[in-house]
Amino acid sequence: MSRRQPSSNMCFVCGVQNPFGLRLAFDDEGPAGVGCTFSIPENFQGYPGMAHGGVVAAVLDELCGRTLMVANPAHFTFTGKLEVRYRCPVPVGVELRGRGWLVRQRGRSARACAELQLAGGTIAAEAEALLLDVPAEQQLVGVPADLGWFVRAA
């Protein structure tokens, strides 16, 4: 059984009020996995008809970071390192499947992997990330919903 993860107001990838963002919704998939189904709009293309590599990397980065939110929706990290492998061009306007999974968590760091699949299961891009906990002094304080962090309706 999957559970919808919270989204923010203005995040480029998940922000529900960001008029320039992707507005993706993420669901827990198992004890340390997360997924989403989406398409990249044509205004995020690089080469004609193909998604810009930076947008692909942003989605993979978000998938990696959200793996730690399966156990704790308020576990915020930042990316210390992101290694992306582009296997084939990612077309705009077609349904894609994103998956992320936690590989290892140790202390205040973790490693996670993610992939984007085309219809039929072809892996178009994949990533591995080193994730680091946001320092306590930089954590947001307050009610998550008041800070723009909430579970949106399906």
C-alpha atoms as a PDB file:
ATOM      1  CA  MET A   1       0.000   0.000   0.000  1.00  0.00           C
ATOM      2  CA  SER A   2       1.454   3.363  -0.966  1.00  0.00           C
ATOM      3  CA  ARG A   3       1.217   6.649   0.908  1.00  0.00           C
ATOM      4  CA  ARG A   4       1.344  10.084  -0.712  1.00  0.00           C
ATOM      5  CA  GLN A   5       4.298  12.150   0.491  1.00  0.00           C
ATOM      6  CA  PRO A   6       3.981  15.820   1.423  1.00  0.00           C
ATOM      7  CA  SER A   7       4.693  18.499  -1.159  1.00  0.00           C
ATOM      8  CA  SER A   8       5.836  22.068  -0.690  1.00  0.00           C
ATOM      9  CA  ASN A   9       4.433  25.291  -2.043  1.00  0.00           C
ATOM     10  CA  MET A  10       7.344  26.506  -4.159  1.00  0.00           C
ATOM     11  CA  CYS A  11       9.800  23.629  -4.796  1.00  0.00           C
ATOM     12  CA  PHE A  12      10.753  23.481  -8.488  1.00  0.00           C
ATOM     13  CA  VAL A  13      10.011  19.740  -8.622  1.00  0.00           C
ATOM     14  CA  CYS A  14       7.043  19.243  -6.235  1.00  0.00           C
ATOM     15  CA  GLY A  15       5.764  22.754  -5.451  1.00  0.00           C
ATOM     16  CA  VAL A  16       2.022  22.924  -5.921  1.00  0.00           C
ATOM     17  CA  GLN A  17       2.002  26.728  -6.217  1.00  0.00           C
ATOM     18  CA  ASN A  18       5.127  27.124  -8.349  1.00  0.00           C
ATOM     19  CA  PRO A  19       3.881  28.332 -11.742  1.00  0.00           C
ATOM     20  CA  PHE A  20       7.229  27.423 -13.349  1.00  0.00           C
ATOM     21  CA  GLY A  21       7.732  24.019 -11.699  1.00  0.00           C
ATOM     22  CA  LEU A  22       6.948  20.407 -12.515  1.00  0.00           C
ATOM     23  CA  ARG A  23       4.414  19.910  -9.660  1.00  0.00           C
ATOM     24  CA  LEU A  24       5.195  16.216  -9.242  1.00  0.00           C
ATOM     25  CA  ALA A  25       3.517  14.080  -6.576  1.00  0.00           C
ATOM     26  CA  PHE A  26       5.477  11.300  -4.851  1.00  0.00           C
ATOM     27  CA  ASP A  27       4.241   8.104  -3.215  1.00  0.00           C
ATOM     28  CA  ASP A  28       5.979   5.755  -0.801  1.00  0.00           C
ATOM     29  CA  GLU A  29       6.640   2.353  -2.323  1.00  0.00           C
ATOM     30  CA  GLY A  30       7.776  -0.105   0.303  1.00  0.00           C
ATOM     31  CA  PRO A  31       9.927   0.556   3.380  1.00  0.00           C
ATOM     32  CA  ALA A  32      12.629   2.609   1.605  1.00  0.00           C
ATOM     33  CA  GLY A  33      11.313   3.377  -1.863  1.00  0.00           C
ATOM     34  CA  VAL A  34       9.458   6.210  -3.530  1.00  0.00           C
ATOM     35  CA  GLY A  35       7.893   6.690  -6.951  1.00  0.00           C
ATOM     36  CA  CYS A  36       6.019   9.020  -9.260  1.00  0.00           C
ATOM     37  CA  THR A  37       4.414   8.962 -12.683  1.00  0.00           C
ATOM     38  CA  PHE A  38       4.591  12.158 -14.724  1.00  0.00           C
ATOM     39  CA  SER A  39       5.506  13.777 -18.013  1.00  0.00           C
ATOM     40  CA  ILE A  40       7.909  16.636 -18.632  1.00  0.00           C
ATOM     41  CA  PRO A  41       6.208  19.582 -20.374  1.00  0.00           C
ATOM     42  CA  GLU A  42       7.718  20.826 -23.620  1.00  0.00           C
ATOM     43  CA  ASN A  43       8.726  24.145 -22.021  1.00  0.00           C
ATOM     44  CA  PHE A  44      11.446  22.134 -20.191  1.00  0.00           C
ATOM     45  CA  GLN A  45      13.098  20.846 -23.343  1.00  0.00           C
ATOM     46  CA  GLY A  46      16.712  21.301 -24.325  1.00  0.00           C
ATOM     47  CA  TYR A  47      17.156  19.764 -27.759  1.00  0.00           C
ATOM     48  CA  PRO A  48      13.799  19.936 -29.619  1.00  0.00           C
ATOM     49  CA  GLY A  49      11.439  17.286 -28.289  1.00  0.00           C
ATOM     50  CA  MET A  50      13.838  16.172 -25.537  1.00  0.00           C
ATOM     51  CA  ALA A  51      13.870  17.146 -21.856  1.00  0.00           C
ATOM     52  CA  HIS A  52      16.744  19.335 -20.706  1.00  0.00           C
ATOM     53  CA  GLY A  53      19.318  17.252 -18.833  1.00  0.00           C
ATOM     54  CA  GLY A  54      19.193  19.606 -15.856  1.00  0.00           C
ATOM     55  CA  VAL A  55      15.467  18.989 -15.457  1.00  0.00           C
ATOM     56  CA  VAL A  56      16.045  15.228 -15.615  1.00  0.00           C
ATOM     57  CA  ALA A  57      18.769  15.581 -12.969  1.00  0.00           C
ATOM     58  CA  ALA A  58      16.439  17.636 -10.750  1.00  0.00           C
ATOM     59  CA  VAL A  59      13.778  14.893 -10.816  1.00  0.00           C
ATOM     60  CA  LEU A  60      16.367  12.200 -10.043  1.00  0.00           C
ATOM     61  CA  ASP A  61      17.751  14.336  -7.200  1.00  0.00           C
ATOM     62  CA  GLU A  62      14.259  14.742  -5.722  1.00  0.00           C
ATOM     63  CA  LEU A  63      13.580  11.003  -5.962  1.00  0.00           C
ATOM     64  CA  CYS A  64      16.822  10.249  -4.110  1.00  0.00           C
ATOM     65  CA  GLY A  65      16.134  12.780  -1.367  1.00  0.00           C
ATOM     66  CA  ARG A  66      12.601  11.559  -0.819  1.00  0.00           C
ATOM     67  CA  THR A  67      13.724   8.013  -0.011  1.00  0.00           C
ATOM     68  CA  LEU A  68      14.520   9.142   3.544  1.00  0.00           C
ATOM     69  CA  MET A  69      11.047  10.664   3.855  1.00  0.00           C
ATOM     70  CA  VAL A  70       9.414   7.239   3.649  1.00  0.00           C
ATOM     71  CA  ALA A  71      10.305   6.587   7.291  1.00  0.00           C
ATOM     72  CA  ASN A  72      10.020  10.257   8.341  1.00  0.00           C
ATOM     73  CA  PRO A  73       8.216  12.833   6.146  1.00  0.00           C
ATOM     74  CA  ALA A  74      10.112  15.621   7.921  1.00  0.00           C
ATOM     75  CA  HIS A  75      13.600  14.173   7.252  1.00  0.00           C
ATOM     76  CA  PHE A  76      15.133  16.897   5.105  1.00  0.00           C
ATOM     77  CA  THR A  77      18.487  16.437   3.423  1.00  0.00           C
ATOM     78  CA  PHE A  78      20.617  18.264   0.913  1.00  0.00           C
ATOM     79  CA  THR A  79      22.601  16.688  -1.871  1.00  0.00           C
ATOM     80  CA  GLY A  80      26.340  16.432  -1.270  1.00  0.00           C
ATOM     81  CA  LYS A  81      26.976  14.663  -4.563  1.00  0.00           C
ATOM     82  CA  LEU A  82      24.800  13.590  -7.471  1.00  0.00           C
ATOM     83  CA  GLU A  83      26.080  11.338 -10.229  1.00  0.00           C
ATOM     84  CA  VAL A  84      23.736  11.054 -13.216  1.00  0.00           C
ATOM     85  CA  ARG A  85      23.966   8.646 -16.116  1.00  0.00           C
ATOM     86  CA  TYR A  86      21.873   9.509 -19.161  1.00  0.00           C
ATOM     87  CA  ARG A  87      21.179   6.300 -21.081  1.00  0.00           C
ATOM     88  CA  CYS A  88      19.012   7.810 -23.817  1.00  0.00           C
ATOM     89  CA  PRO A  89      17.233  11.094 -24.546  1.00  0.00           C
ATOM     90  CA  VAL A  90      14.165  11.716 -22.379  1.00  0.00           C
ATOM     91  CA  PRO A  91      11.263  12.871 -24.546  1.00  0.00           C
ATOM     92  CA  VAL A  92       8.910  15.630 -23.407  1.00  0.00           C
ATOM     93  CA  GLY A  93       5.165  15.073 -23.226  1.00  0.00           C
ATOM     94  CA  VAL A  94       5.268  11.310 -22.651  1.00  0.00           C
ATOM     95  CA  GLU A  95       4.509   9.369 -19.486  1.00  0.00           C
ATOM     96  CA  LEU A  96       7.581   8.568 -17.399  1.00  0.00           C
ATOM     97  CA  ARG A  97       7.951   6.490 -14.277  1.00  0.00           C
ATOM     98  CA  GLY A  98      10.383   7.643 -11.578  1.00  0.00           C
ATOM     99  CA  ARG A  99      11.639   5.380  -8.800  1.00  0.00           C
ATOM    100  CA  GLY A 100      14.021   6.031  -5.946  1.00  0.00           C
ATOM    101  CA  TRP A 101      15.376   3.713  -3.258  1.00  0.00           C
ATOM    102  CA  LEU A 102      17.535   4.058  -0.192  1.00  0.00           C
ATOM    103  CA  VAL A 103      20.813   2.131  -0.423  1.00  0.00           C
ATOM    104  CA  ARG A 104      22.392   2.938   2.942  1.00  0.00           C
ATOM    105  CA  GLN A 105      21.925   5.307   5.855  1.00  0.00           C
ATOM    106  CA  ARG A 106      24.710   5.928   8.317  1.00  0.00           C
ATOM    107  CA  GLY A 107      24.629   8.714  10.890  1.00  0.00           C
ATOM    108  CA  ARG A 108      23.770  11.994   9.175  1.00  0.00           C
ATOM    109  CA  SER A 109      24.487  10.788   5.645  1.00  0.00           C
ATOM    110  CA  ALA A 110      22.844   8.389   3.251  1.00  0.00           C
ATOM    111  CA  ARG A 111      23.192   6.986  -0.257  1.00  0.00           C
ATOM    112  CA  ALA A 112      20.204   6.612  -2.545  1.00  0.00           C
ATOM    113  CA  CYS A 113      19.608   5.700  -6.176  1.00  0.00           C
ATOM    114  CA  ALA A 114      16.909   6.687  -8.649  1.00  0.00           C
ATOM    115  CA  GLU A 115      15.882   6.008 -12.227  1.00  0.00           C
ATOM    116  CA  LEU A 116      13.507   7.320 -14.868  1.00  0.00           C
ATOM    117  CA  GLN A 117      11.790   4.763 -17.066  1.00  0.00           C
ATOM    118  CA  LEU A 118      10.117   5.232 -20.419  1.00  0.00           C
ATOM    119  CA  ALA A 119       6.947   3.331 -21.302  1.00  0.00           C
ATOM    120  CA  GLY A 120       7.902  -0.307 -21.690  1.00  0.00           C
ATOM    121  CA  GLY A 121      10.468  -0.115 -18.882  1.00  0.00           C
ATOM    122  CA  THR A 122      13.516   1.266 -20.732  1.00  0.00           C
ATOM    123  CA  ILE A 123      15.710   3.132 -18.250  1.00  0.00           C
ATOM    124  CA  ALA A 124      16.358   6.585 -19.709  1.00  0.00           C
ATOM    125  CA  ALA A 125      18.427   8.015 -16.846  1.00  0.00           C
ATOM    126  CA  GLU A 126      19.687   6.933 -13.457  1.00  0.00           C
ATOM    127  CA  ALA A 127      21.445   8.550 -10.525  1.00  0.00           C
ATOM    128  CA  GLU A 128      23.224   7.893  -7.267  1.00  0.00           C
ATOM    129  CA  ALA A 129      23.272  10.552  -4.567  1.00  0.00           C
ATOM    130  CA  LEU A 130      25.110  11.251  -1.351  1.00  0.00           C
ATOM    131  CA  LEU A 131      22.555  12.891   0.933  1.00  0.00           C
ATOM    132  CA  LEU A 132      23.407  14.868   4.057  1.00  0.00           C
ATOM    133  CA  ASP A 133      21.031  15.888   6.840  1.00  0.00           C
ATOM    134  CA  VAL A 134      20.170  19.582   6.896  1.00  0.00           C
ATOM    135  CA  PRO A 135      21.988  21.021   9.945  1.00  0.00           C
ATOM    136  CA  ALA A 136      19.748  21.564  12.982  1.00  0.00           C
ATOM    137  CA  GLU A 137      20.292  25.339  12.912  1.00  0.00           C
ATOM    138  CA  GLN A 138      18.934  25.463   9.350  1.00  0.00           C
ATOM    139  CA  GLN A 139      15.864  23.280   9.953  1.00  0.00           C
ATOM    140  CA  LEU A 140      12.512  24.979   9.528  1.00  0.00           C
ATOM    141  CA  VAL A 141      10.670  25.457  12.818  1.00  0.00           C
ATOM    142  CA  GLY A 142       6.899  25.431  13.041  1.00  0.00           C
ATOM    143  CA  VAL A 143       3.845  23.518  11.897  1.00  0.00           C
ATOM    144  CA  PRO A 144       4.721  21.814   8.574  1.00  0.00           C
ATOM    145  CA  ALA A 145       1.466  22.863   6.865  1.00  0.00           C
ATOM    146  CA  ASP A 146       2.021  26.493   7.922  1.00  0.00           C
ATOM    147  CA  LEU A 147       5.456  26.286   6.290  1.00  0.00           C
ATOM    148  CA  GLY A 148       3.968  25.015   3.012  1.00  0.00           C
ATOM    149  CA  TRP A 149       4.712  21.312   3.603  1.00  0.00           C
ATOM    150  CA  PHE A 150       1.560  19.199   3.287  1.00  0.00           C
ATOM    151  CA  VAL A 151       0.020  16.154   1.621  1.00  0.00           C
ATOM    152  CA  ARG A 152      -1.945  17.308  -1.378  1.00  0.00           C
ATOM    153  CA  ALA A 153      -5.096  15.684  -2.639  1.00  0.00           C
ATOM    154  CA  ALA A 154      -4.611  12.988  -5.262  1.00  0.00           C
END
